[in-house]
Amino acid sequence: YRQAPGEQRELVAYITDARSRYYVDAVKGRFTISRD
């Protein structure tokens, strides 16, 4: 998640237990979420 000054906290990306990934449109193609 991220919170910019004066803004509400927003979800940016998530990864499920099955390794499905979701990205908010603003970061698609630029951000990659992973887990170890």
PDB file of all heavy atoms in Angstrom:
ATOM      1  N   TYR A   1       0.853  -1.177   0.000  1.00  0.00           N
ATOM      2  CA  TYR A   1       0.000   0.000   0.000  1.00  0.00           C
ATOM      3  C   TYR A   1       0.899   1.241   0.000  1.00  0.00           C
ATOM      4  O   TYR A   1       2.065   1.169   0.350  1.00  0.00           O
ATOM      5  CB  TYR A   1      -0.867   0.029   1.259  1.00  0.00           C
ATOM      6  CG  TYR A   1      -1.760  -1.184   1.442  1.00  0.00           C
ATOM      7  CD1 TYR A   1      -1.240  -2.402   1.868  1.00  0.00           C
ATOM      8  CD2 TYR A   1      -3.126  -1.096   1.193  1.00  0.00           C
ATOM      9  CE1 TYR A   1      -2.060  -3.509   2.022  1.00  0.00           C
ATOM     10  CE2 TYR A   1      -3.959  -2.199   1.363  1.00  0.00           C
ATOM     11  CZ  TYR A   1      -3.416  -3.386   1.778  1.00  0.00           C
ATOM     12  OH  TYR A   1      -4.239  -4.483   1.937  1.00  0.00           O
ATOM     13  N   ARG A   2       0.322   2.355  -0.371  1.00  0.00           N
ATOM     14  CA  ARG A   2       1.084   3.594  -0.275  1.00  0.00           C
ATOM     15  C   ARG A   2       0.167   4.735   0.124  1.00  0.00           C
ATOM     16  O   ARG A   2      -1.030   4.717  -0.133  1.00  0.00           O
ATOM     17  CB  ARG A   2       1.795   3.923  -1.587  1.00  0.00           C
ATOM     18  CG  ARG A   2       0.889   4.248  -2.758  1.00  0.00           C
ATOM     19  CD  ARG A   2       1.716   4.420  -4.033  1.00  0.00           C
ATOM     20  NE  ARG A   2       0.885   4.732  -5.196  1.00  0.00           N
ATOM     21  CZ  ARG A   2       1.351   4.788  -6.436  1.00  0.00           C
ATOM     22  NH1 ARG A   2       2.640   4.559  -6.690  1.00  0.00           N
ATOM     23  NH2 ARG A   2       0.528   5.079  -7.441  1.00  0.00           N
ATOM     24  N   GLN A   3       0.778   5.732   0.762  1.00  0.00           N
ATOM     25  CA  GLN A   3       0.035   6.913   1.187  1.00  0.00           C
ATOM     26  C   GLN A   3       0.862   8.134   0.864  1.00  0.00           C
ATOM     27  O   GLN A   3       1.947   8.339   1.426  1.00  0.00           O
ATOM     28  CB  GLN A   3      -0.281   6.855   2.681  1.00  0.00           C
ATOM     29  CG  GLN A   3      -1.184   7.991   3.135  1.00  0.00           C
ATOM     30  CD  GLN A   3      -1.729   7.766   4.532  1.00  0.00           C
ATOM     31  OE1 GLN A   3      -1.188   6.979   5.315  1.00  0.00           O
ATOM     32  NE2 GLN A   3      -2.818   8.437   4.842  1.00  0.00           N
ATOM     33  N   ALA A   4       0.357   8.925  -0.067  1.00  0.00           N
ATOM     34  CA  ALA A   4       1.008  10.180  -0.429  1.00  0.00           C
ATOM     35  C   ALA A   4       0.524  11.287   0.512  1.00  0.00           C
ATOM     36  O   ALA A   4      -0.556  11.165   1.119  1.00  0.00           O
ATOM     37  CB  ALA A   4       0.682  10.535  -1.876  1.00  0.00           C
ATOM     38  N   PRO A   5       1.279  12.351   0.653  1.00  0.00           N
ATOM     39  CA  PRO A   5       0.875  13.454   1.543  1.00  0.00           C
ATOM     40  C   PRO A   5      -0.515  13.964   1.189  1.00  0.00           C
ATOM     41  O   PRO A   5      -0.799  14.248   0.025  1.00  0.00           O
ATOM     42  CB  PRO A   5       1.947  14.519   1.288  1.00  0.00           C
ATOM     43  CG  PRO A   5       3.134  13.763   0.839  1.00  0.00           C
ATOM     44  CD  PRO A   5       2.604  12.607   0.046  1.00  0.00           C
ATOM     45  N   GLY A   6      -1.371  14.058   2.199  1.00  0.00           N
ATOM     46  CA  GLY A   6      -2.715  14.576   1.998  1.00  0.00           C
ATOM     47  C   GLY A   6      -3.671  13.612   1.325  1.00  0.00           C
ATOM     48  O   GLY A   6      -4.811  13.991   1.033  1.00  0.00           O
ATOM     49  N   GLU A   7      -3.226  12.381   1.076  1.00  0.00           N
ATOM     50  CA  GLU A   7      -4.061  11.401   0.399  1.00  0.00           C
ATOM     51  C   GLU A   7      -4.366  10.229   1.322  1.00  0.00           C
ATOM     52  O   GLU A   7      -3.695  10.023   2.331  1.00  0.00           O
ATOM     53  CB  GLU A   7      -3.361  10.884  -0.861  1.00  0.00           C
ATOM     54  CG  GLU A   7      -2.990  11.961  -1.869  1.00  0.00           C
ATOM     55  CD  GLU A   7      -4.204  12.551  -2.560  1.00  0.00           C
ATOM     56  OE1 GLU A   7      -5.235  11.842  -2.648  1.00  0.00           O
ATOM     57  OE2 GLU A   7      -4.128  13.718  -3.000  1.00  0.00           O
ATOM     58  N   GLN A   8      -5.379   9.458   0.955  1.00  0.00           N
ATOM     59  CA  GLN A   8      -5.676   8.253   1.703  1.00  0.00           C
ATOM     60  C   GLN A   8      -4.722   7.138   1.271  1.00  0.00           C
ATOM     61  O   GLN A   8      -4.180   7.152   0.155  1.00  0.00           O
ATOM     62  CB  GLN A   8      -7.130   7.817   1.444  1.00  0.00           C
ATOM     63  CG  GLN A   8      -8.161   8.722   2.069  1.00  0.00           C
ATOM     64  CD  GLN A   8      -9.562   8.139   2.008  1.00  0.00           C
ATOM     65  OE1 GLN A   8      -9.864   7.279   1.179  1.00  0.00           O
ATOM     66  NE2 GLN A   8     -10.436   8.586   2.890  1.00  0.00           N
ATOM     67  N   ARG A   9      -4.536   6.197   2.159  1.00  0.00           N
ATOM     68  CA  ARG A   9      -3.724   5.038   1.842  1.00  0.00           C
ATOM     69  C   ARG A   9      -4.435   4.231   0.758  1.00  0.00           C
ATOM     70  O   ARG A   9      -5.641   4.031   0.817  1.00  0.00           O
ATOM     71  CB  ARG A   9      -3.511   4.195   3.091  1.00  0.00           C
ATOM     72  CG  ARG A   9      -2.466   3.112   2.971  1.00  0.00           C
ATOM     73  CD  ARG A   9      -2.232   2.456   4.317  1.00  0.00           C
ATOM     74  NE  ARG A   9      -1.673   3.400   5.268  1.00  0.00           N
ATOM     75  CZ  ARG A   9      -1.546   3.157   6.572  1.00  0.00           C
ATOM     76  NH1 ARG A   9      -1.944   2.006   7.056  1.00  0.00           N
ATOM     77  NH2 ARG A   9      -1.020   4.044   7.381  1.00  0.00           N
ATOM     78  N   GLU A  10      -3.668   3.764  -0.228  1.00  0.00           N
ATOM     79  CA  GLU A  10      -4.257   2.993  -1.313  1.00  0.00           C
ATOM     80  C   GLU A  10      -3.478   1.699  -1.532  1.00  0.00           C
ATOM     81  O   GLU A  10      -2.270   1.629  -1.302  1.00  0.00           O
ATOM     82  CB  GLU A  10      -4.259   3.800  -2.618  1.00  0.00           C
ATOM     83  CG  GLU A  10      -2.880   4.156  -3.149  1.00  0.00           C
ATOM     84  CD  GLU A  10      -2.903   4.725  -4.556  1.00  0.00           C
ATOM     85  OE1 GLU A  10      -3.955   4.679  -5.234  1.00  0.00           O
ATOM     86  OE2 GLU A  10      -1.841   5.221  -4.999  1.00  0.00           O
ATOM     87  N   LEU A  11      -4.212   0.693  -2.002  1.00  0.00           N
ATOM     88  CA  LEU A  11      -3.594  -0.573  -2.358  1.00  0.00           C
ATOM     89  C   LEU A  11      -2.882  -0.414  -3.698  1.00  0.00           C
ATOM     90  O   LEU A  11      -3.452   0.102  -4.652  1.00  0.00           O
ATOM     91  CB  LEU A  11      -4.660  -1.669  -2.446  1.00  0.00           C
ATOM     92  CG  LEU A  11      -4.206  -3.049  -2.907  1.00  0.00           C
ATOM     93  CD1 LEU A  11      -3.264  -3.673  -1.901  1.00  0.00           C
ATOM     94  CD2 LEU A  11      -5.421  -3.941  -3.130  1.00  0.00           C
ATOM     95  N   VAL A  12      -1.648  -0.904  -3.769  1.00  0.00           N
ATOM     96  CA  VAL A  12      -0.856  -0.804  -4.993  1.00  0.00           C
ATOM     97  C   VAL A  12      -0.784  -2.147  -5.709  1.00  0.00           C
ATOM     98  O   VAL A  12      -0.937  -2.217  -6.931  1.00  0.00           O
ATOM     99  CB  VAL A  12       0.566  -0.310  -4.663  1.00  0.00           C
ATOM    100  CG1 VAL A  12       1.450  -0.343  -5.903  1.00  0.00           C
ATOM    101  CG2 VAL A  12       0.526   1.086  -4.071  1.00  0.00           C
ATOM    102  N   ALA A  13      -0.562  -3.199  -4.937  1.00  0.00           N
ATOM    103  CA  ALA A  13      -0.408  -4.528  -5.524  1.00  0.00           C
ATOM    104  C   ALA A  13      -0.629  -5.564  -4.447  1.00  0.00           C
ATOM    105  O   ALA A  13      -0.421  -5.287  -3.260  1.00  0.00           O
ATOM    106  CB  ALA A  13       0.980  -4.704  -6.136  1.00  0.00           C
ATOM    107  N   TYR A  14      -1.037  -6.778  -4.868  1.00  0.00           N
ATOM    108  CA  TYR A  14      -1.084  -7.875  -3.921  1.00  0.00           C
ATOM    109  C   TYR A  14      -0.739  -9.180  -4.625  1.00  0.00           C
ATOM    110  O   TYR A  14      -0.827  -9.288  -5.847  1.00  0.00           O
ATOM    111  CB  TYR A  14      -2.419  -7.959  -3.179  1.00  0.00           C
ATOM    112  CG  TYR A  14      -3.649  -8.314  -3.987  1.00  0.00           C
ATOM    113  CD1 TYR A  14      -3.859  -9.593  -4.490  1.00  0.00           C
ATOM    114  CD2 TYR A  14      -4.641  -7.363  -4.189  1.00  0.00           C
ATOM    115  CE1 TYR A  14      -5.004  -9.914  -5.193  1.00  0.00           C
ATOM    116  CE2 TYR A  14      -5.799  -7.671  -4.895  1.00  0.00           C
ATOM    117  CZ  TYR A  14      -5.972  -8.954  -5.395  1.00  0.00           C
ATOM    118  OH  TYR A  14      -7.114  -9.265  -6.098  1.00  0.00           O
ATOM    119  N   ILE A  15      -0.371 -10.164  -3.803  1.00  0.00           N
ATOM    120  CA  ILE A  15      -0.066 -11.499  -4.296  1.00  0.00           C
ATOM    121  C   ILE A  15      -0.824 -12.488  -3.410  1.00  0.00           C
ATOM    122  O   ILE A  15      -0.792 -12.391  -2.188  1.00  0.00           O
ATOM    123  CB  ILE A  15       1.460 -11.769  -4.295  1.00  0.00           C
ATOM    124  CG1 ILE A  15       1.772 -13.163  -4.848  1.00  0.00           C
ATOM    125  CG2 ILE A  15       2.076 -11.555  -2.919  1.00  0.00           C
ATOM    126  CD1 ILE A  15       3.253 -13.373  -5.146  1.00  0.00           C
ATOM    127  N   THR A  16      -1.529 -13.423  -4.043  1.00  0.00           N
ATOM    128  CA  THR A  16      -2.342 -14.370  -3.293  1.00  0.00           C
ATOM    129  C   THR A  16      -1.527 -15.597  -2.897  1.00  0.00           C
ATOM    130  O   THR A  16      -0.387 -15.780  -3.321  1.00  0.00           O
ATOM    131  CB  THR A  16      -3.550 -14.820  -4.129  1.00  0.00           C
ATOM    132  OG1 THR A  16      -3.080 -15.664  -5.189  1.00  0.00           O
ATOM    133  CG2 THR A  16      -4.303 -13.623  -4.712  1.00  0.00           C
ATOM    134  N   ASP A  17      -2.165 -16.469  -2.126  1.00  0.00           N
ATOM    135  CA  ASP A  17      -1.494 -17.704  -1.732  1.00  0.00           C
ATOM    136  C   ASP A  17      -1.203 -18.575  -2.949  1.00  0.00           C
ATOM    137  O   ASP A  17      -0.270 -19.377  -2.938  1.00  0.00           O
ATOM    138  CB  ASP A  17      -2.313 -18.467  -0.695  1.00  0.00           C
ATOM    139  CG  ASP A  17      -3.722 -18.791  -1.175  1.00  0.00           C
ATOM    140  OD1 ASP A  17      -4.137 -18.254  -2.211  1.00  0.00           O
ATOM    141  OD2 ASP A  17      -4.413 -19.565  -0.496  1.00  0.00           O
ATOM    142  N   ALA A  18      -1.980 -18.405  -4.009  1.00  0.00           N
ATOM    143  CA  ALA A  18      -1.752 -19.156  -5.243  1.00  0.00           C
ATOM    144  C   ALA A  18      -0.836 -18.400  -6.209  1.00  0.00           C
ATOM    145  O   ALA A  18      -0.710 -18.779  -7.376  1.00  0.00           O
ATOM    146  CB  ALA A  18      -3.087 -19.443  -5.926  1.00  0.00           C
ATOM    147  N   ARG A  19      -0.225 -17.328  -5.742  1.00  0.00           N
ATOM    148  CA  ARG A  19       0.706 -16.524  -6.525  1.00  0.00           C
ATOM    149  C   ARG A  19       0.043 -15.739  -7.657  1.00  0.00           C
ATOM    150  O   ARG A  19       0.715 -15.313  -8.593  1.00  0.00           O
ATOM    151  CB  ARG A  19       1.883 -17.334  -7.064  1.00  0.00           C
ATOM    152  CG  ARG A  19       2.811 -17.875  -5.995  1.00  0.00           C
ATOM    153  CD  ARG A  19       4.049 -18.505  -6.584  1.00  0.00           C
ATOM    154  NE  ARG A  19       4.934 -19.032  -5.566  1.00  0.00           N
ATOM    155  CZ  ARG A  19       5.883 -18.335  -4.981  1.00  0.00           C
ATOM    156  NH1 ARG A  19       6.080 -17.068  -5.321  1.00  0.00           N
ATOM    157  NH2 ARG A  19       6.645 -18.875  -4.057  1.00  0.00           N
ATOM    158  N   SER A  20      -1.273 -15.567  -7.581  1.00  0.00           N
ATOM    159  CA  SER A  20      -1.900 -14.624  -8.511  1.00  0.00           C
ATOM    160  C   SER A  20      -1.531 -13.219  -8.065  1.00  0.00           C
ATOM    161  O   SER A  20      -1.419 -12.949  -6.859  1.00  0.00           O
ATOM    162  CB  SER A  20      -3.412 -14.802  -8.490  1.00  0.00           C
ATOM    163  OG  SER A  20      -3.780 -16.063  -8.976  1.00  0.00           O
ATOM    164  N   ARG A  21      -1.359 -12.333  -9.013  1.00  0.00           N
ATOM    165  CA  ARG A  21      -0.938 -10.972  -8.696  1.00  0.00           C
ATOM    166  C   ARG A  21      -1.928  -9.956  -9.252  1.00  0.00           C
ATOM    167  O   ARG A  21      -2.510 -10.156 -10.322  1.00  0.00           O
ATOM    168  CB  ARG A  21       0.450 -10.693  -9.276  1.00  0.00           C
ATOM    169  CG  ARG A  21       1.565 -11.506  -8.644  1.00  0.00           C
ATOM    170  CD  ARG A  21       2.838 -11.403  -9.454  1.00  0.00           C
ATOM    171  NE  ARG A  21       3.978 -12.008  -8.786  1.00  0.00           N
ATOM    172  CZ  ARG A  21       4.280 -13.297  -8.844  1.00  0.00           C
ATOM    173  NH1 ARG A  21       3.525 -14.118  -9.543  1.00  0.00           N
ATOM    174  NH2 ARG A  21       5.347 -13.762  -8.210  1.00  0.00           N
ATOM    175  N   TYR A  22      -2.098  -8.907  -8.490  1.00  0.00           N
ATOM    176  CA  TYR A  22      -2.945  -7.786  -8.909  1.00  0.00           C
ATOM    177  C   TYR A  22      -2.141  -6.500  -8.787  1.00  0.00           C
ATOM    178  O   TYR A  22      -1.363  -6.342  -7.836  1.00  0.00           O
ATOM    179  CB  TYR A  22      -4.188  -7.693  -8.022  1.00  0.00           C
ATOM    180  CG  TYR A  22      -4.850  -6.335  -8.078  1.00  0.00           C
ATOM    181  CD1 TYR A  22      -5.782  -6.039  -9.068  1.00  0.00           C
ATOM    182  CD2 TYR A  22      -4.519  -5.334  -7.161  1.00  0.00           C
ATOM    183  CE1 TYR A  22      -6.373  -4.790  -9.132  1.00  0.00           C
ATOM    184  CE2 TYR A  22      -5.107  -4.076  -7.229  1.00  0.00           C
ATOM    185  CZ  TYR A  22      -6.028  -3.813  -8.216  1.00  0.00           C
ATOM    186  OH  TYR A  22      -6.598  -2.580  -8.286  1.00  0.00           O
ATOM    187  N   TYR A  23      -2.343  -5.602  -9.759  1.00  0.00           N
ATOM    188  CA  TYR A  23      -1.693  -4.291  -9.712  1.00  0.00           C
ATOM    189  C   TYR A  23      -2.716  -3.211 -10.030  1.00  0.00           C
ATOM    190  O   TYR A  23      -3.547  -3.380 -10.936  1.00  0.00           O
ATOM    191  CB  TYR A  23      -0.558  -4.207 -10.725  1.00  0.00           C
ATOM    192  CG  TYR A  23       0.535  -5.230 -10.528  1.00  0.00           C
ATOM    193  CD1 TYR A  23       0.517  -6.435 -11.221  1.00  0.00           C
ATOM    194  CD2 TYR A  23       1.571  -5.005  -9.629  1.00  0.00           C
ATOM    195  CE1 TYR A  23       1.498  -7.387 -11.021  1.00  0.00           C
ATOM    196  CE2 TYR A  23       2.567  -5.951  -9.432  1.00  0.00           C
ATOM    197  CZ  TYR A  23       2.519  -7.142 -10.131  1.00  0.00           C
ATOM    198  OH  TYR A  23       3.504  -8.077  -9.932  1.00  0.00           O
ATOM    199  N   VAL A  24      -2.623  -2.115  -9.322  1.00  0.00           N
ATOM    200  CA  VAL A  24      -3.454  -0.962  -9.678  1.00  0.00           C
ATOM    201  C   VAL A  24      -2.965  -0.445 -11.034  1.00  0.00           C
ATOM    202  O   VAL A  24      -1.771  -0.582 -11.375  1.00  0.00           O
ATOM    203  CB  VAL A  24      -3.354   0.116  -8.577  1.00  0.00           C
ATOM    204  CG1 VAL A  24      -1.971   0.719  -8.513  1.00  0.00           C
ATOM    205  CG2 VAL A  24      -4.419   1.164  -8.746  1.00  0.00           C
ATOM    206  N   ASP A  25      -3.860   0.099 -11.824  1.00  0.00           N
ATOM    207  CA  ASP A  25      -3.516   0.514 -13.187  1.00  0.00           C
ATOM    208  C   ASP A  25      -2.290   1.428 -13.235  1.00  0.00           C
ATOM    209  O   ASP A  25      -1.481   1.348 -14.163  1.00  0.00           O
ATOM    210  CB  ASP A  25      -4.706   1.222 -13.850  1.00  0.00           C
ATOM    211  CG  ASP A  25      -5.794   0.254 -14.274  1.00  0.00           C
ATOM    212  OD1 ASP A  25      -5.543  -0.966 -14.281  1.00  0.00           O
ATOM    213  OD2 ASP A  25      -6.906   0.723 -14.597  1.00  0.00           O
ATOM    214  N   ALA A  26      -2.148   2.290 -12.252  1.00  0.00           N
ATOM    215  CA  ALA A  26      -1.069   3.285 -12.273  1.00  0.00           C
ATOM    216  C   ALA A  26       0.326   2.670 -12.233  1.00  0.00           C
ATOM    217  O   ALA A  26       1.304   3.331 -12.599  1.00  0.00           O
ATOM    218  CB  ALA A  26      -1.245   4.255 -11.107  1.00  0.00           C
ATOM    219  N   VAL A  27       0.434   1.413 -11.786  1.00  0.00           N
ATOM    220  CA  VAL A  27       1.762   0.803 -11.652  1.00  0.00           C
ATOM    221  C   VAL A  27       1.946  -0.414 -12.541  1.00  0.00           C
ATOM    222  O   VAL A  27       3.034  -1.000 -12.570  1.00  0.00           O
ATOM    223  CB  VAL A  27       2.074   0.438 -10.182  1.00  0.00           C
ATOM    224  CG1 VAL A  27       1.843   1.638  -9.275  1.00  0.00           C
ATOM    225  CG2 VAL A  27       1.278  -0.760  -9.712  1.00  0.00           C
ATOM    226  N   LYS A  28       0.917  -0.817 -13.262  1.00  0.00           N
ATOM    227  CA  LYS A  28       1.022  -1.997 -14.125  1.00  0.00           C
ATOM    228  C   LYS A  28       2.163  -1.845 -15.118  1.00  0.00           C
ATOM    229  O   LYS A  28       2.329  -0.799 -15.736  1.00  0.00           O
ATOM    230  CB  LYS A  28      -0.290  -2.207 -14.881  1.00  0.00           C
ATOM    231  CG  LYS A  28      -1.365  -2.914 -14.099  1.00  0.00           C
ATOM    232  CD  LYS A  28      -2.620  -3.129 -14.940  1.00  0.00           C
ATOM    233  CE  LYS A  28      -3.713  -3.790 -14.131  1.00  0.00           C
ATOM    234  NZ  LYS A  28      -4.969  -3.918 -14.913  1.00  0.00           N
ATOM    235  N   GLY A  29       2.944  -2.907 -15.247  1.00  0.00           N
ATOM    236  CA  GLY A  29       4.060  -2.885 -16.180  1.00  0.00           C
ATOM    237  C   GLY A  29       5.324  -2.276 -15.598  1.00  0.00           C
ATOM    238  O   GLY A  29       6.392  -2.349 -16.215  1.00  0.00           O
ATOM    239  N   ARG A  30       5.213  -1.664 -14.426  1.00  0.00           N
ATOM    240  CA  ARG A  30       6.389  -1.027 -13.804  1.00  0.00           C
ATOM    241  C   ARG A  30       6.769  -1.671 -12.482  1.00  0.00           C
ATOM    242  O   ARG A  30       7.947  -1.716 -12.131  1.00  0.00           O
ATOM    243  CB  ARG A  30       6.118   0.464 -13.580  1.00  0.00           C
ATOM    244  CG  ARG A  30       5.792   1.243 -14.838  1.00  0.00           C
ATOM    245  CD  ARG A  30       5.744   2.745 -14.566  1.00  0.00           C
ATOM    246  NE  ARG A  30       4.675   3.103 -13.636  1.00  0.00           N
ATOM    247  CZ  ARG A  30       4.891   3.744 -12.480  1.00  0.00           C
ATOM    248  NH1 ARG A  30       6.129   4.080 -12.111  1.00  0.00           N
ATOM    249  NH2 ARG A  30       3.860   4.053 -11.688  1.00  0.00           N
ATOM    250  N   PHE A  31       5.780  -2.131 -11.731  1.00  0.00           N
ATOM    251  CA  PHE A  31       6.023  -2.729 -10.418  1.00  0.00           C
ATOM    252  C   PHE A  31       5.793  -4.234 -10.495  1.00  0.00           C
ATOM    253  O   PHE A  31       4.924  -4.713 -11.234  1.00  0.00           O
ATOM    254  CB  PHE A  31       5.069  -2.149  -9.385  1.00  0.00           C
ATOM    255  CG  PHE A  31       5.317  -0.713  -9.007  1.00  0.00           C
ATOM    256  CD1 PHE A  31       6.189   0.093  -9.721  1.00  0.00           C
ATOM    257  CD2 PHE A  31       4.652  -0.163  -7.916  1.00  0.00           C
ATOM    258  CE1 PHE A  31       6.405   1.416  -9.371  1.00  0.00           C
ATOM    259  CE2 PHE A  31       4.860   1.157  -7.549  1.00  0.00           C
ATOM    260  CZ  PHE A  31       5.730   1.946  -8.282  1.00  0.00           C
ATOM    261  N   THR A  32       6.563  -4.967  -9.680  1.00  0.00           N
ATOM    262  CA  THR A  32       6.381  -6.411  -9.572  1.00  0.00           C
ATOM    263  C   THR A  32       6.420  -6.813  -8.106  1.00  0.00           C
ATOM    264  O   THR A  32       7.379  -6.499  -7.392  1.00  0.00           O
ATOM    265  CB  THR A  32       7.491  -7.164 -10.328  1.00  0.00           C
ATOM    266  OG1 THR A  32       7.494  -6.761 -11.709  1.00  0.00           O
ATOM    267  CG2 THR A  32       7.257  -8.666 -10.253  1.00  0.00           C
ATOM    268  N   ILE A  33       5.381  -7.499  -7.660  1.00  0.00           N
ATOM    269  CA  ILE A  33       5.318  -7.994  -6.292  1.00  0.00           C
ATOM    270  C   ILE A  33       5.744  -9.454  -6.279  1.00  0.00           C
ATOM    271  O   ILE A  33       5.434 -10.218  -7.196  1.00  0.00           O
ATOM    272  CB  ILE A  33       3.903  -7.812  -5.694  1.00  0.00           C
ATOM    273  CG1 ILE A  33       3.893  -8.119  -4.204  1.00  0.00           C
ATOM    274  CG2 ILE A  33       2.867  -8.630  -6.449  1.00  0.00           C
ATOM    275  CD1 ILE A  33       2.583  -7.733  -3.497  1.00  0.00           C
ATOM    276  N   SER A  34       6.472  -9.830  -5.227  1.00  0.00           N
ATOM    277  CA  SER A  34       6.917 -11.211  -5.089  1.00  0.00           C
ATOM    278  C   SER A  34       7.023 -11.541  -3.612  1.00  0.00           C
ATOM    279  O   SER A  34       6.934 -10.646  -2.753  1.00  0.00           O
ATOM    280  CB  SER A  34       8.263 -11.415  -5.782  1.00  0.00           C
ATOM    281  OG  SER A  34       9.260 -10.595  -5.206  1.00  0.00           O
ATOM    282  N   ARG A  35       7.196 -12.809  -3.347  1.00  0.00           N
ATOM    283  CA  ARG A  35       7.367 -13.216  -1.945  1.00  0.00           C
ATOM    284  C   ARG A  35       8.436 -14.285  -1.863  1.00  0.00           C
ATOM    285  O   ARG A  35       8.703 -15.010  -2.815  1.00  0.00           O
ATOM    286  CB  ARG A  35       6.042 -13.725  -1.360  1.00  0.00           C
ATOM    287  CG  ARG A  35       5.573 -15.040  -1.935  1.00  0.00           C
ATOM    288  CD  ARG A  35       4.370 -15.587  -1.182  1.00  0.00           C
ATOM    289  NE  ARG A  35       3.991 -16.894  -1.673  1.00  0.00           N
ATOM    290  CZ  ARG A  35       2.777 -17.197  -2.100  1.00  0.00           C
ATOM    291  NH1 ARG A  35       1.824 -16.288  -2.089  1.00  0.00           N
ATOM    292  NH2 ARG A  35       2.511 -18.413  -2.511  1.00  0.00           N
ATOM    293  N   ASP A  36       9.049 -14.364  -0.693  1.00  0.00           N
ATOM    294  CA  ASP A  36      10.049 -15.378  -0.375  1.00  0.00           C
ATOM    295  C   ASP A  36       9.504 -16.149   0.823  1.00  0.00           C
ATOM    296  O   ASP A  36       9.535 -15.643   1.947  1.00  0.00           O
ATOM    297  CB  ASP A  36      11.390 -14.714  -0.059  1.00  0.00           C
ATOM    298  CG  ASP A  36      12.493 -15.718   0.198  1.00  0.00           C
ATOM    299  OD1 ASP A  36      12.205 -16.833   0.685  1.00  0.00           O
ATOM    300  OD2 ASP A  36      13.658 -15.386  -0.070  1.00  0.00           O
TER     301      ASP A  36
END
